[in-house]
C-alpha atoms as a PDB file:
ATOM      1  CA  UNK A   1       0.000   0.000   0.000  1.00  0.00           C
ATOM      2  CA  UNK A   2       2.872   2.427   0.661  1.00  0.00           C
ATOM      3  CA  UNK A   3       3.703   4.276  -2.534  1.00  0.00           C
ATOM      4  CA  UNK A   4       5.926   7.248  -3.320  1.00  0.00           C
ATOM      5  CA  UNK A   5       3.851  10.368  -3.833  1.00  0.00           C
ATOM      6  CA  UNK A   6       4.381  12.350  -7.006  1.00  0.00           C
ATOM      7  CA  UNK A   7       4.384  15.855  -5.569  1.00  0.00           C
ATOM      8  CA  UNK A   8       7.300  15.364  -3.180  1.00  0.00           C
ATOM      9  CA  UNK A   9      10.011  15.328  -5.833  1.00  0.00           C
ATOM     10  CA  UNK A  10       8.350  18.135  -7.789  1.00  0.00           C
ATOM     11  CA  UNK A  11       8.176  20.388  -4.738  1.00  0.00           C
ATOM     12  CA  UNK A  12      11.822  19.760  -3.884  1.00  0.00           C
ATOM     13  CA  UNK A  13      12.915  20.612  -7.427  1.00  0.00           C
ATOM     14  CA  UNK A  14      10.872  23.830  -7.420  1.00  0.00           C
ATOM     15  CA  UNK A  15      12.238  24.814  -4.023  1.00  0.00           C
ATOM     16  CA  UNK A  16      15.838  24.309  -5.150  1.00  0.00           C
ATOM     17  CA  UNK A  17      15.296  26.181  -8.418  1.00  0.00           C
ATOM     18  CA  UNK A  18      13.690  29.106  -6.607  1.00  0.00           C
ATOM     19  CA  UNK A  19      16.395  29.219  -3.977  1.00  0.00           C
ATOM     20  CA  UNK A  20      13.886  29.246  -1.144  1.00  0.00           C
ATOM     21  CA  UNK A  21      10.709  27.816   0.327  1.00  0.00           C
ATOM     22  CA  UNK A  22       7.445  27.310  -1.502  1.00  0.00           C
ATOM     23  CA  UNK A  23       3.961  26.467  -0.334  1.00  0.00           C
ATOM     24  CA  UNK A  24       3.713  22.683  -0.578  1.00  0.00           C
ATOM     25  CA  UNK A  25       0.696  20.539  -1.258  1.00  0.00           C
ATOM     26  CA  UNK A  26      -1.790  21.217   1.552  1.00  0.00           C
ATOM     27  CA  UNK A  27      -4.114  18.265   1.079  1.00  0.00           C
ATOM     28  CA  UNK A  28      -3.921  14.497   1.400  1.00  0.00           C
ATOM     29  CA  UNK A  29      -2.980  11.482  -0.660  1.00  0.00           C
ATOM     30  CA  UNK A  30      -5.583   8.724  -0.420  1.00  0.00           C
ATOM     31  CA  UNK A  31      -4.712   5.282  -1.734  1.00  0.00           C
ATOM     32  CA  UNK A  32      -7.495   2.827  -2.494  1.00  0.00           C
ATOM     33  CA  UNK A  33      -7.248  -0.939  -2.971  1.00  0.00           C
ATOM     34  CA  UNK A  34     -10.400  -2.624  -4.230  1.00  0.00           C
ATOM     35  CA  UNK A  35      -9.766  -6.239  -3.331  1.00  0.00           C
ATOM     36  CA  UNK A  36     -10.447  -8.989  -5.839  1.00  0.00           C
ATOM     37  CA  UNK A  37      -9.602 -12.465  -4.516  1.00  0.00           C
ATOM     38  CA  UNK A  38     -11.038 -15.957  -4.260  1.00  0.00           C
ATOM     39  CA  UNK A  39     -12.538 -15.108  -0.843  1.00  0.00           C
ATOM     40  CA  UNK A  40     -14.021 -11.707  -1.694  1.00  0.00           C
ATOM     41  CA  UNK A  41     -16.624 -10.658  -4.215  1.00  0.00           C
ATOM     42  CA  UNK A  42     -15.639  -8.667  -7.295  1.00  0.00           C
ATOM     43  CA  UNK A  43     -16.402  -4.977  -7.057  1.00  0.00           C
ATOM     44  CA  UNK A  44     -19.311  -4.073  -9.359  1.00  0.00           C
ATOM     45  CA  UNK A  45     -18.121  -2.612 -12.633  1.00  0.00           C
ATOM     46  CA  UNK A  46     -19.929  -0.233 -15.004  1.00  0.00           C
ATOM     47  CA  UNK A  47     -22.114  -2.043 -17.517  1.00  0.00           C
ATOM     48  CA  UNK A  48     -21.023  -2.152 -21.140  1.00  0.00           C
ATOM     49  CA  UNK A  49     -21.648   1.035 -23.079  1.00  0.00           C
ATOM     50  CA  UNK A  50     -24.163  -0.940 -25.143  1.00  0.00           C
ATOM     51  CA  UNK A  51     -26.655  -3.049 -23.184  1.00  0.00           C
ATOM     52  CA  UNK A  52     -28.226  -3.277 -19.745  1.00  0.00           C
ATOM     53  CA  UNK A  53     -26.365  -4.092 -16.505  1.00  0.00           C
ATOM     54  CA  UNK A  54     -25.676  -7.776 -15.930  1.00  0.00           C
ATOM     55  CA  UNK A  55     -24.747  -9.656 -12.748  1.00  0.00           C
ATOM     56  CA  UNK A  56     -22.059  -7.829 -10.792  1.00  0.00           C
ATOM     57  CA  UNK A  57     -22.514  -4.617 -12.802  1.00  0.00           C
ATOM     58  CA  UNK A  58     -23.870  -1.150 -12.081  1.00  0.00           C
ATOM     59  CA  UNK A  59     -25.565   1.094 -14.617  1.00  0.00           C
ATOM     60  CA  UNK A  60     -23.231   2.597 -17.215  1.00  0.00           C
ATOM     61  CA  UNK A  61     -24.768   5.985 -16.388  1.00  0.00           C
ATOM     62  CA  UNK A  62     -23.763   5.917 -12.732  1.00  0.00           C
ATOM     63  CA  UNK A  63     -20.764   6.739 -10.596  1.00  0.00           C
ATOM     64  CA  UNK A  64     -19.150   5.879  -7.277  1.00  0.00           C
ATOM     65  CA  UNK A  65     -18.718   8.512  -4.573  1.00  0.00           C
ATOM     66  CA  UNK A  66     -16.075   8.286  -1.868  1.00  0.00           C
ATOM     67  CA  UNK A  67     -17.168   9.812   1.442  1.00  0.00           C
ATOM     68  CA  UNK A  68     -15.043  10.675   4.478  1.00  0.00           C
ATOM     69  CA  UNK A  69     -16.664  10.191   7.884  1.00  0.00           C
ATOM     70  CA  UNK A  70     -15.354  12.395  10.722  1.00  0.00           C
ATOM     71  CA  UNK A  71     -17.552  10.650  13.322  1.00  0.00           C
ATOM     72  CA  UNK A  72     -18.764   7.079  12.798  1.00  0.00           C
ATOM     73  CA  UNK A  73     -21.505   7.581  15.406  1.00  0.00           C
ATOM     74  CA  UNK A  74     -22.937  10.473  13.374  1.00  0.00           C
ATOM     75  CA  UNK A  75     -23.632   9.279   9.801  1.00  0.00           C
ATOM     76  CA  UNK A  76     -24.687  12.801   8.800  1.00  0.00           C
ATOM     77  CA  UNK A  77     -21.112  13.972   9.355  1.00  0.00           C
ATOM     78  CA  UNK A  78     -19.972  12.211   6.163  1.00  0.00           C
ATOM     79  CA  UNK A  79     -18.983  14.370   3.203  1.00  0.00           C
ATOM     80  CA  UNK A  80     -18.014  13.566  -0.388  1.00  0.00           C
ATOM     81  CA  UNK A  81     -14.335  13.852  -1.323  1.00  0.00           C
ATOM     82  CA  UNK A  82     -14.045  12.155  -4.737  1.00  0.00           C
ATOM     83  CA  UNK A  83     -16.005  10.561  -7.558  1.00  0.00           C
ATOM     84  CA  UNK A  84     -14.900   7.758  -9.817  1.00  0.00           C
ATOM     85  CA  UNK A  85     -16.132   4.961 -12.051  1.00  0.00           C
ATOM     86  CA  UNK A  86     -15.043   1.340 -12.414  1.00  0.00           C
ATOM     87  CA  UNK A  87     -14.597   0.202 -15.994  1.00  0.00           C
ATOM     88  CA  UNK A  88     -13.322  -2.793 -17.851  1.00  0.00           C
ATOM     89  CA  UNK A  89     -10.002  -1.427 -18.964  1.00  0.00           C
ATOM     90  CA  UNK A  90     -11.217  -2.047 -22.513  1.00  0.00           C
ATOM     91  CA  UNK A  91     -14.833  -2.379 -23.625  1.00  0.00           C
ATOM     92  CA  UNK A  92     -15.132  -4.165 -26.998  1.00  0.00           C
ATOM     93  CA  UNK A  93     -18.811  -3.105 -27.199  1.00  0.00           C
ATOM     94  CA  UNK A  94     -17.948   0.587 -27.102  1.00  0.00           C
ATOM     95  CA  UNK A  95     -18.328   2.278 -30.507  1.00  0.00           C
ATOM     96  CA  UNK A  96     -15.128   4.229 -29.766  1.00  0.00           C
ATOM     97  CA  UNK A  97     -12.832   1.362 -28.800  1.00  0.00           C
ATOM     98  CA  UNK A  98     -10.589   2.345 -31.689  1.00  0.00           C
ATOM     99  CA  UNK A  99      -6.968   2.722 -32.741  1.00  0.00           C
ATOM    100  CA  UNK A 100      -5.645   6.281 -32.529  1.00  0.00           C
ATOM    101  CA  UNK A 101      -2.323   7.896 -33.350  1.00  0.00           C
ATOM    102  CA  UNK A 102       0.311   8.153 -36.045  1.00  0.00           C
ATOM    103  CA  UNK A 103       1.834   4.841 -34.975  1.00  0.00           C
ATOM    104  CA  UNK A 104      -1.258   2.766 -35.845  1.00  0.00           C
ATOM    105  CA  UNK A 105      -1.828   1.440 -39.385  1.00  0.00           C
ATOM    106  CA  UNK A 106      -5.521   2.366 -39.533  1.00  0.00           C
ATOM    107  CA  UNK A 107      -6.592   5.284 -37.301  1.00  0.00           C
ATOM    108  CA  UNK A 108     -10.278   5.030 -36.390  1.00  0.00           C
ATOM    109  CA  UNK A 109     -10.447   1.281 -36.981  1.00  0.00           C
ATOM    110  CA  UNK A 110     -12.485  -0.508 -34.311  1.00  0.00           C
ATOM    111  CA  UNK A 111     -10.050  -2.720 -32.419  1.00  0.00           C
ATOM    112  CA  UNK A 112     -12.330  -5.760 -32.623  1.00  0.00           C
ATOM    113  CA  UNK A 113     -11.794  -5.679 -36.394  1.00  0.00           C
ATOM    114  CA  UNK A 114      -8.013  -5.263 -36.303  1.00  0.00           C
ATOM    115  CA  UNK A 115      -7.245  -8.891 -37.175  1.00  0.00           C
ATOM    116  CA  UNK A 116      -9.741  -8.799 -40.029  1.00  0.00           C
ATOM    117  CA  UNK A 117      -8.223  -5.611 -41.434  1.00  0.00           C
ATOM    118  CA  UNK A 118      -4.658  -6.940 -41.194  1.00  0.00           C
ATOM    119  CA  UNK A 119      -5.773 -10.121 -42.943  1.00  0.00           C
ATOM    120  CA  UNK A 120      -7.123  -7.899 -45.687  1.00  0.00           C
ATOM    121  CA  UNK A 121      -3.860  -5.915 -45.833  1.00  0.00           C
ATOM    122  CA  UNK A 122      -1.568  -8.940 -45.935  1.00  0.00           C
ATOM    123  CA  UNK A 123      -3.774 -11.267 -47.953  1.00  0.00           C
ATOM    124  CA  UNK A 124      -3.341 -13.939 -45.257  1.00  0.00           C
ATOM    125  CA  UNK A 125      -6.724 -15.350 -44.306  1.00  0.00           C
ATOM    126  CA  UNK A 126      -5.197 -18.328 -42.473  1.00  0.00           C
ATOM    127  CA  UNK A 127      -1.861 -17.824 -40.685  1.00  0.00           C
ATOM    128  CA  UNK A 128      -1.294 -21.576 -40.707  1.00  0.00           C
ATOM    129  CA  UNK A 129      -1.519 -21.596 -44.508  1.00  0.00           C
ATOM    130  CA  UNK A 130      -0.207 -18.298 -45.889  1.00  0.00           C
ATOM    131  CA  UNK A 131      -0.211 -17.809 -49.644  1.00  0.00           C
ATOM    132  CA  UNK A 132       3.090 -18.561 -51.452  1.00  0.00           C
ATOM    133  CA  UNK A 133       3.836 -14.908 -52.086  1.00  0.00           C
ATOM    134  CA  UNK A 134       3.441 -13.782 -48.453  1.00  0.00           C
ATOM    135  CA  UNK A 135       6.523 -12.099 -47.006  1.00  0.00           C
ATOM    136  CA  UNK A 136       7.952 -12.876 -43.575  1.00  0.00           C
ATOM    137  CA  UNK A 137       6.839  -9.438 -42.340  1.00  0.00           C
ATOM    138  CA  UNK A 138       3.285 -10.084 -43.533  1.00  0.00           C
ATOM    139  CA  UNK A 139       3.242 -13.404 -41.699  1.00  0.00           C
ATOM    140  CA  UNK A 140       4.405 -11.688 -38.510  1.00  0.00           C
ATOM    141  CA  UNK A 141       1.782  -8.947 -38.863  1.00  0.00           C
ATOM    142  CA  UNK A 142      -1.011 -11.490 -39.344  1.00  0.00           C
ATOM    143  CA  UNK A 143       0.066 -13.615 -36.381  1.00  0.00           C
ATOM    144  CA  UNK A 144       0.511 -10.545 -34.162  1.00  0.00           C
ATOM    145  CA  UNK A 145      -2.980  -9.319 -35.033  1.00  0.00           C
ATOM    146  CA  UNK A 146      -4.500 -12.636 -33.949  1.00  0.00           C
ATOM    147  CA  UNK A 147      -2.542 -12.540 -30.694  1.00  0.00           C
ATOM    148  CA  UNK A 148      -3.766  -9.022 -30.057  1.00  0.00           C
ATOM    149  CA  UNK A 149      -7.368 -10.134 -30.493  1.00  0.00           C
ATOM    150  CA  UNK A 150      -6.836 -12.921 -27.960  1.00  0.00           C
ATOM    151  CA  UNK A 151      -5.234 -10.534 -25.466  1.00  0.00           C
ATOM    152  CA  UNK A 152      -8.074  -8.034 -25.828  1.00  0.00           C
ATOM    153  CA  UNK A 153     -10.561 -10.757 -24.962  1.00  0.00           C
ATOM    154  CA  UNK A 154      -8.571 -11.681 -21.861  1.00  0.00           C
ATOM    155  CA  UNK A 155      -8.130  -8.212 -20.411  1.00  0.00           C
ATOM    156  CA  UNK A 156     -11.717  -7.275 -21.233  1.00  0.00           C
ATOM    157  CA  UNK A 157     -12.907 -10.245 -19.200  1.00  0.00           C
ATOM    158  CA  UNK A 158     -14.858 -11.774 -22.053  1.00  0.00           C
ATOM    159  CA  UNK A 159     -12.852 -15.009 -22.078  1.00  0.00           C
ATOM    160  CA  UNK A 160     -13.214 -17.416 -19.139  1.00  0.00           C
ATOM    161  CA  UNK A 161     -10.203 -19.006 -17.469  1.00  0.00           C
ATOM    162  CA  UNK A 162      -9.794 -22.736 -16.690  1.00  0.00           C
ATOM    163  CA  UNK A 163     -12.128 -22.419 -13.699  1.00  0.00           C
ATOM    164  CA  UNK A 164     -14.806 -20.763 -15.795  1.00  0.00           C
ATOM    165  CA  UNK A 165     -14.325 -17.323 -14.229  1.00  0.00           C
ATOM    166  CA  UNK A 166     -14.014 -14.224 -16.370  1.00  0.00           C
ATOM    167  CA  UNK A 167     -10.977 -12.445 -14.991  1.00  0.00           C
ATOM    168  CA  UNK A 168     -10.438  -9.210 -16.866  1.00  0.00           C
ATOM    169  CA  UNK A 169      -8.702  -6.002 -15.777  1.00  0.00           C
ATOM    170  CA  UNK A 170     -10.748  -3.260 -14.141  1.00  0.00           C
ATOM    171  CA  UNK A 171      -9.704   0.393 -13.962  1.00  0.00           C
ATOM    172  CA  UNK A 172     -10.575   3.102 -11.430  1.00  0.00           C
ATOM    173  CA  UNK A 173     -11.349   6.061 -13.684  1.00  0.00           C
ATOM    174  CA  UNK A 174     -12.647   9.589 -13.887  1.00  0.00           C
ATOM    175  CA  UNK A 175     -16.418   9.985 -13.602  1.00  0.00           C
ATOM    176  CA  UNK A 176     -18.392  11.376 -16.521  1.00  0.00           C
ATOM    177  CA  UNK A 177     -21.965  12.098 -17.549  1.00  0.00           C
ATOM    178  CA  UNK A 178     -21.077  12.219 -21.246  1.00  0.00           C
ATOM    179  CA  UNK A 179     -21.674   9.710 -23.987  1.00  0.00           C
ATOM    180  CA  UNK A 180     -21.321   8.948 -27.669  1.00  0.00           C
ATOM    181  CA  UNK A 181     -23.431   9.725 -30.744  1.00  0.00           C
ATOM    182  CA  UNK A 182     -25.717   6.924 -31.939  1.00  0.00           C
ATOM    183  CA  UNK A 183     -24.305   4.104 -34.038  1.00  0.00           C
ATOM    184  CA  UNK A 184     -25.482   4.042 -37.643  1.00  0.00           C
ATOM    185  CA  UNK A 185     -27.197   0.996 -39.104  1.00  0.00           C
ATOM    186  CA  UNK A 186     -24.907   0.908 -42.134  1.00  0.00           C
ATOM    187  CA  UNK A 187     -21.400   1.937 -43.146  1.00  0.00           C
ATOM    188  CA  UNK A 188     -22.670   4.839 -45.249  1.00  0.00           C
ATOM    189  CA  UNK A 189     -25.021   6.148 -42.561  1.00  0.00           C
ATOM    190  CA  UNK A 190     -25.589   9.768 -41.503  1.00  0.00           C
ATOM    191  CA  UNK A 191     -22.511  11.924 -41.011  1.00  0.00           C
ATOM    192  CA  UNK A 192     -23.336  12.484 -37.322  1.00  0.00           C
ATOM    193  CA  UNK A 193     -23.621   8.766 -36.495  1.00  0.00           C
ATOM    194  CA  UNK A 194     -20.712   6.423 -35.731  1.00  0.00           C
ATOM    195  CA  UNK A 195     -20.270   3.649 -38.318  1.00  0.00           C
ATOM    196  CA  UNK A 196     -20.779   0.091 -37.001  1.00  0.00           C
ATOM    197  CA  UNK A 197     -17.629  -1.638 -35.756  1.00  0.00           C
ATOM    198  CA  UNK A 198     -17.698  -4.043 -38.703  1.00  0.00           C
ATOM    199  CA  UNK A 199     -17.207  -1.178 -41.174  1.00  0.00           C
ATOM    200  CA  UNK A 200     -13.457  -1.187 -41.818  1.00  0.00           C
ATOM    201  CA  UNK A 201     -13.175   0.857 -45.020  1.00  0.00           C
ATOM    202  CA  UNK A 202     -11.121   4.056 -44.904  1.00  0.00           C
ATOM    203  CA  UNK A 203     -14.145   6.380 -45.019  1.00  0.00           C
ATOM    204  CA  UNK A 204     -15.835   4.616 -42.093  1.00  0.00           C
ATOM    205  CA  UNK A 205     -12.632   4.634 -40.071  1.00  0.00           C
ATOM    206  CA  UNK A 206     -12.157   8.356 -40.711  1.00  0.00           C
ATOM    207  CA  UNK A 207     -15.727   9.231 -39.696  1.00  0.00           C
ATOM    208  CA  UNK A 208     -15.524   7.015 -36.590  1.00  0.00           C
ATOM    209  CA  UNK A 209     -12.279   8.698 -35.567  1.00  0.00           C
ATOM    210  CA  UNK A 210     -13.714  12.176 -36.106  1.00  0.00           C
ATOM    211  CA  UNK A 211     -16.893  11.552 -34.101  1.00  0.00           C
ATOM    212  CA  UNK A 212     -15.122   9.787 -31.233  1.00  0.00           C
ATOM    213  CA  UNK A 213     -12.517  12.515 -30.894  1.00  0.00           C
ATOM    214  CA  UNK A 214     -15.274  15.118 -30.964  1.00  0.00           C
ATOM    215  CA  UNK A 215     -17.038  13.343 -28.079  1.00  0.00           C
ATOM    216  CA  UNK A 216     -13.764  13.153 -26.126  1.00  0.00           C
ATOM    217  CA  UNK A 217     -13.068  16.854 -26.655  1.00  0.00           C
ATOM    218  CA  UNK A 218     -16.558  17.659 -25.351  1.00  0.00           C
ATOM    219  CA  UNK A 219     -15.986  15.589 -22.194  1.00  0.00           C
ATOM    220  CA  UNK A 220     -12.344  15.024 -21.155  1.00  0.00           C
ATOM    221  CA  UNK A 221     -13.532  12.754 -18.306  1.00  0.00           C
ATOM    222  CA  UNK A 222     -15.366  10.287 -20.563  1.00  0.00           C
ATOM    223  CA  UNK A 223     -13.309   7.134 -20.142  1.00  0.00           C
ATOM    224  CA  UNK A 224     -12.243   5.047 -23.108  1.00  0.00           C
ATOM    225  CA  UNK A 225      -9.414   2.593 -22.547  1.00  0.00           C
ATOM    226  CA  UNK A 226      -6.993   0.932 -24.924  1.00  0.00           C
ATOM    227  CA  UNK A 227      -5.146  -2.353 -24.903  1.00  0.00           C
ATOM    228  CA  UNK A 228      -1.990  -0.688 -26.237  1.00  0.00           C
ATOM    229  CA  UNK A 229      -1.054   1.170 -23.007  1.00  0.00           C
ATOM    230  CA  UNK A 230      -3.144   0.069 -20.035  1.00  0.00           C
ATOM    231  CA  UNK A 231      -2.384   3.101 -17.877  1.00  0.00           C
ATOM    232  CA  UNK A 232      -2.919   5.698 -20.622  1.00  0.00           C
ATOM    233  CA  UNK A 233      -6.516   5.643 -21.884  1.00  0.00           C
ATOM    234  CA  UNK A 234      -7.702   7.115 -25.154  1.00  0.00           C
ATOM    235  CA  UNK A 235      -9.756   9.566 -23.096  1.00  0.00           C
ATOM    236  CA  UNK A 236     -10.499  10.224 -19.457  1.00  0.00           C
ATOM    237  CA  UNK A 237      -8.220   9.519 -16.540  1.00  0.00           C
ATOM    238  CA  UNK A 238      -7.064   6.322 -14.852  1.00  0.00           C
ATOM    239  CA  UNK A 239      -6.469   6.587 -11.097  1.00  0.00           C
ATOM    240  CA  UNK A 240      -5.272   2.988 -10.892  1.00  0.00           C
ATOM    241  CA  UNK A 241      -6.491  -0.591 -11.185  1.00  0.00           C
ATOM    242  CA  UNK A 242      -8.646  -2.969  -9.184  1.00  0.00           C
ATOM    243  CA  UNK A 243      -6.510  -5.527  -7.343  1.00  0.00           C
ATOM    244  CA  UNK A 244      -6.029  -8.742  -9.263  1.00  0.00           C
ATOM    245  CA  UNK A 245      -3.851 -10.395 -11.885  1.00  0.00           C
ATOM    246  CA  UNK A 246      -3.179  -9.446 -15.484  1.00  0.00           C
ATOM    247  CA  UNK A 247      -4.615 -12.475 -17.350  1.00  0.00           C
ATOM    248  CA  UNK A 248      -2.141 -12.005 -20.205  1.00  0.00           C
ATOM    249  CA  UNK A 249       1.079 -12.371 -18.191  1.00  0.00           C
ATOM    250  CA  UNK A 250      -0.142 -13.318 -14.667  1.00  0.00           C
ATOM    251  CA  UNK A 251       1.475 -10.208 -13.172  1.00  0.00           C
ATOM    252  CA  UNK A 252      -0.175  -8.779 -10.023  1.00  0.00           C
ATOM    253  CA  UNK A 253      -1.915  -5.450 -10.519  1.00  0.00           C
ATOM    254  CA  UNK A 254      -3.926  -3.041  -8.424  1.00  0.00           C
ATOM    255  CA  UNK A 255      -3.984   0.114  -6.390  1.00  0.00           C
ATOM    256  CA  UNK A 256      -5.459   3.546  -7.090  1.00  0.00           C
ATOM    257  CA  UNK A 257      -4.720   6.938  -5.600  1.00  0.00           C
ATOM    258  CA  UNK A 258      -6.334  10.350  -5.314  1.00  0.00           C
ATOM    259  CA  UNK A 259      -4.680  13.661  -4.444  1.00  0.00           C
ATOM    260  CA  UNK A 260      -7.276  15.635  -2.477  1.00  0.00           C
ATOM    261  CA  UNK A 261      -7.392  19.255  -1.372  1.00  0.00           C
ATOM    262  CA  UNK A 262      -8.850  18.269   1.999  1.00  0.00           C
ATOM    263  CA  UNK A 263      -6.106  17.308   4.525  1.00  0.00           C
ATOM    264  CA  UNK A 264      -8.327  14.476   5.848  1.00  0.00           C
ATOM    265  CA  UNK A 265      -7.073  14.751   9.400  1.00  0.00           C
ATOM    266  CA  UNK A 266      -9.256  13.454  12.244  1.00  0.00           C
ATOM    267  CA  UNK A 267     -11.258  11.134   9.970  1.00  0.00           C
ATOM    268  CA  UNK A 268     -12.717   7.990  11.563  1.00  0.00           C
ATOM    269  CA  UNK A 269     -13.775   6.145   8.423  1.00  0.00           C
ATOM    270  CA  UNK A 270     -14.818   6.124   4.791  1.00  0.00           C
ATOM    271  CA  UNK A 271     -17.685   4.838   2.671  1.00  0.00           C
ATOM    272  CA  UNK A 272     -18.264   4.273  -1.048  1.00  0.00           C
ATOM    273  CA  UNK A 273     -21.711   4.818  -2.585  1.00  0.00           C
ATOM    274  CA  UNK A 274     -23.104   4.152  -6.064  1.00  0.00           C
ATOM    275  CA  UNK A 275     -25.521   6.692  -7.529  1.00  0.00           C
ATOM    276  CA  UNK A 276     -27.132   7.239 -10.912  1.00  0.00           C
ATOM    277  CA  UNK A 277     -25.809  10.255 -12.774  1.00  0.00           C
ATOM    278  CA  UNK A 278     -27.984  13.298 -12.212  1.00  0.00           C
ATOM    279  CA  UNK A 279     -29.691  11.865  -9.119  1.00  0.00           C
ATOM    280  CA  UNK A 280     -27.549  13.580  -6.487  1.00  0.00           C
ATOM    281  CA  UNK A 281     -30.524  15.482  -5.094  1.00  0.00           C
ATOM    282  CA  UNK A 282     -31.949  12.200  -3.796  1.00  0.00           C
ATOM    283  CA  UNK A 283     -28.882  11.502  -1.656  1.00  0.00           C
ATOM    284  CA  UNK A 284     -25.539   9.715  -2.006  1.00  0.00           C
ATOM    285  CA  UNK A 285     -27.123   6.558  -3.426  1.00  0.00           C
ATOM    286  CA  UNK A 286     -26.573   2.931  -2.457  1.00  0.00           C
ATOM    287  CA  UNK A 287     -23.847   2.239   0.092  1.00  0.00           C
ATOM    288  CA  UNK A 288     -21.422  -0.306  -1.377  1.00  0.00           C
ATOM    289  CA  UNK A 289     -18.759  -0.552   1.345  1.00  0.00           C
ATOM    290  CA  UNK A 290     -17.905   1.396   4.471  1.00  0.00           C
ATOM    291  CA  UNK A 291     -15.919   1.464   7.690  1.00  0.00           C
ATOM    292  CA  UNK A 292     -17.645  -0.581  10.379  1.00  0.00           C
ATOM    293  CA  UNK A 293     -17.854   1.104  13.831  1.00  0.00           C
ATOM    294  CA  UNK A 294     -15.957  -0.846  16.467  1.00  0.00           C
ATOM    295  CA  UNK A 295     -15.304  -0.363  20.201  1.00  0.00           C
ATOM    296  CA  UNK A 296     -11.651  -1.226  19.576  1.00  0.00           C
ATOM    297  CA  UNK A 297      -9.290   0.682  17.265  1.00  0.00           C
ATOM    298  CA  UNK A 298      -9.274  -1.831  14.416  1.00  0.00           C
ATOM    299  CA  UNK A 299     -10.301   0.581  11.675  1.00  0.00           C
ATOM    300  CA  UNK A 300      -7.444   3.053  11.956  1.00  0.00           C
ATOM    301  CA  UNK A 301      -3.869   1.962  12.532  1.00  0.00           C
ATOM    302  CA  UNK A 302      -1.506   4.923  12.083  1.00  0.00           C
ATOM    303  CA  UNK A 303       1.904   3.753  10.868  1.00  0.00           C
ATOM    304  CA  UNK A 304       4.567   6.367  10.127  1.00  0.00           C
ATOM    305  CA  UNK A 305       1.905   9.004   9.625  1.00  0.00           C
ATOM    306  CA  UNK A 306      -0.367   6.786   7.491  1.00  0.00           C
ATOM    307  CA  UNK A 307      -3.879   5.826   8.634  1.00  0.00           C
ATOM    308  CA  UNK A 308      -5.343   2.543   7.416  1.00  0.00           C
ATOM    309  CA  UNK A 309      -9.035   1.702   7.035  1.00  0.00           C
ATOM    310  CA  UNK A 310     -10.897  -1.474   6.093  1.00  0.00           C
ATOM    311  CA  UNK A 311     -14.211  -1.001   4.261  1.00  0.00           C
ATOM    312  CA  UNK A 312     -16.721  -3.842   4.150  1.00  0.00           C
ATOM    313  CA  UNK A 313     -19.957  -4.432   2.270  1.00  0.00           C
ATOM    314  CA  UNK A 314     -22.318  -7.164   1.157  1.00  0.00           C
ATOM    315  CA  UNK A 315     -21.460  -8.896  -2.095  1.00  0.00           C
ATOM    316  CA  UNK A 316     -23.915  -9.231  -4.990  1.00  0.00           C
ATOM    317  CA  UNK A 317     -24.915 -12.726  -3.805  1.00  0.00           C
ATOM    318  CA  UNK A 318     -26.262 -13.222  -0.270  1.00  0.00           C
ATOM    319  CA  UNK A 319     -25.086 -15.256   1.509  1.00  0.00           C
ATOM    320  CA  UNK A 320     -21.726 -15.061  -0.174  1.00  0.00           C
ATOM    321  CA  UNK A 321     -18.283 -13.473  -0.019  1.00  0.00           C
ATOM    322  CA  UNK A 322     -18.155  -9.809   1.022  1.00  0.00           C
ATOM    323  CA  UNK A 323     -16.912  -6.774  -0.813  1.00  0.00           C
ATOM    324  CA  UNK A 324     -13.693  -5.460   0.726  1.00  0.00           C
ATOM    325  CA  UNK A 325     -11.686  -2.287   0.168  1.00  0.00           C
ATOM    326  CA  UNK A 326      -8.605  -0.941   1.909  1.00  0.00           C
ATOM    327  CA  UNK A 327      -7.835   2.761   2.275  1.00  0.00           C
ATOM    328  CA  UNK A 328      -4.526   4.314   3.317  1.00  0.00           C
ATOM    329  CA  UNK A 329      -4.350   8.055   3.941  1.00  0.00           C
ATOM    330  CA  UNK A 330      -1.301  10.302   3.993  1.00  0.00           C
ATOM    331  CA  UNK A 331      -3.096  13.156   5.742  1.00  0.00           C
ATOM    332  CA  UNK A 332      -2.259  16.865   5.960  1.00  0.00           C
ATOM    333  CA  UNK A 333       0.790  16.704   3.712  1.00  0.00           C
ATOM    334  CA  UNK A 334       1.266  20.465   3.998  1.00  0.00           C
ATOM    335  CA  UNK A 335       2.543  19.798   7.533  1.00  0.00           C
ATOM    336  CA  UNK A 336       4.364  16.500   7.126  1.00  0.00           C
ATOM    337  CA  UNK A 337       7.194  15.699   9.523  1.00  0.00           C
ATOM    338  CA  UNK A 338       7.318  11.986   8.655  1.00  0.00           C
ATOM    339  CA  UNK A 339       7.890  11.548   4.912  1.00  0.00           C
ATOM    340  CA  UNK A 340      10.419  14.318   4.244  1.00  0.00           C
END
């Protein structure tokens, strides 16, 4: 849980360059681990952009709110400190899950069609039986495209492992109320509608790219991930990942962090709620996990200036494994005598 904070080095560099003292960061660094193990339930993730929520999902048009609780005996003392969403790090159903950038062969191409397009480019329909005239580079491109398609399925969670569980990668992201234009019913549809993913001609790719980038410019927080760089989405912000394992290489992943203006000193606990977008007037929403009041100090365990909290909640199946989250807080970093 203990991670190096980004602002420390930056502040030191600025102080040295200026030849004197500067006002440091006055808030707190909150680090959040959403646990995903065999003995805990998976945290609910946003539903696919297209479709209704399934088991273990929340509505696509909803968000999570993180609340700090100064007094666990007074629930009304809680106040919101951050909002976020939980997404599959890539969503193959999204109309804007596309390739972007000068380094990609077909900007605007829907990633689910990448293997098909490379097969078209290379003339290799079957990598096990390439045509006689295929070059070594074309064979490599065709095989790499197929491997990419398999990896996308794994990290999206759409391919089950040996135990039958779908173990994709989940990202803690910026919260957004934005969305995408409608998807056209044909490749040559209206200019203000995104071509279907199966349209891989240059004109469709160009229009898809234009409309997706327009939607991203209108809402910088609208999350759209990519399989090319897991920590750098096409749009929106990634605060970190849900704890688990990368199904492609079995490497452990997880941990998210928020830099907050509030110093978060004298906080007794935290809670996470899920609420539909635009429904804030009705309250914080459904409580997902929270600090459980206890007569003994088990919720906060200050260690070298860091307070630790365990958040618990009921899983989607009752009875069943619980939802668990861990929070570590570096509080009041503007007056920090421990980490400097």
